[in-house]
Amino acid sequence: MNELGLTANLDEFYRRVHLSVGFNQSGYSRCMLYRHGDRSPTHVLLNLPHPLKPWPQGLGQLTQEGMRQEAKLGEFFKNRYVHQLHLINATYVRREVKIRSTDYDRTLMSAEAQLSALYRPAGRQIWNKNLLWQPIPIHTVPRANDTLLKSQSLACPRYDQSVQNNLKSNKFKDFIKKDGGFVKKIYELAGYNGSHKNIYYAAHEINGALFCMQKHNLTLPHWANSTVLVRLRKIALFVKLLKYSSPIQQKVTAGELLYRMIHDMKSVKSGTKMNPTKLMMYSAHDSNVMAILLALGFHLTKNPPYTAAVMLELYKDKNGTYLVQVLYRNSSVTVTLQLPGCKRLCPLNDFEKLTSNVTFPPLNRKEICTIKTSHTLSPVNIAIIAAVGGIIILFGILLILRYYFRHVHSKQSYDRIVEFN
């Protein structure tokens, strides 16, 4: 049983698929999105003595344990895509793999640690006998421009409106009645120093700080007993889901990334790219993993752990049909996920149709983020108005021409009559 409440025997599943479908395992693209490794808390609890002392690199930074976790993830990728599926070469080949990261130290360093295990240099790639590591490019963009992986952090009025609607919902009001007093008490006890004005969102970060302390065997405050921690963890997940639960929230937070993944798979199918990237990797955050799983129609019962990964794999069966398989690795167990309305091996065309309500190309973001009002015209309405306007203008021109020709004709007739007389 994993974070999604699903179980699977992956090896047995592949054995049956290969026998019954006639899988072509190699030569097709894989897209994967994964969370960074263990980090220091993003916020500290000021009511603790020496709150920053345990974190020498500062807040929100990858720890040595996080580096080890990411290296383990790299070993998993190597075993799967080099040894099992023979998708990529055992040594680094630039055209086969591309890595994109958010512009955070912890995600950039996670990508480096993961790649150090995936592509440990051998043979001619060894450049330092005392250092079995090689540099591999990792791409990123400034946070203020990252609509692909940090869309929820950028201005989007329609997304913000949806979040506010959730805060006014009966579900949230019931939550305040049940857990509001508890959250306020924890907020005061913790000495929260974050930027959230809404103390319920702060609960997520307080939970994160306590989680980091617990993971690093640090002494917790006296009030943070096991009962409090379990309750706070559930509240933190509930509050976080308020930002990803509605269709528009899922579209804004995961739609562009999912669109790009599908576009890459379609490019492989159509053969429009010469030597397409075989392994496209995205190093990001738990919020990204959560957003794409929810956008795909899966239910979360726990927050995605460190190094949690979602993998979209493209295959082709013996009939030439391209199939998409979704995998989820929760840092220790890997399961196959079945997209609602499709088979576990979902035809690419069906996969695209089933996700079309949440995907969008980058250029459409402004339109998607615009709040729809009674004064806001849709593209269809604009086209109709333009067509009607064109007809009216054309009709007006015809009337003018008709009047002109009738006037000229009348004048010529009068001139002829005068001349005759």
Foldseek 3Di string as FASTA:
>chain_A
DDQQPDDDDVVVVVVVCCVPFVWLLEDAAKEKEWEFFFFAAQWFQVLDPPRCVVPVVDHPAQDPRRLVLLLVVLLVCLCCCCVPRNHDDQADDQLAEAAEEEPDNRLVSSVQSSVCNNHQDDDPRDPDPVDRGDDDDYHYDHLQPCQAANLLVYDFQVLVVQLVVLCVDPVVVVVCVVCVVVLVVCCVNRNTDDDDPPSLQVLLSSLRNVVSCVVVVHDDPPVPDPVSSVVSQQSNVVSLCSSQQDLLSLLSNHAANVQVVLVLNVCSLVVVDDSHHRYYYYRYHLSNVVSVCVLLPGDGPHGQHHGKMWMWTWIATPVRFIWIWIWIDSSDDIDTDQRPPAGNGGGSVVSCVSNVSRHDHPVCSVVSSDDDDPPDDDPVRVVVVVVVVVVVVVVVVVVVVVVVVVVVVVVVVVVVVVVVD
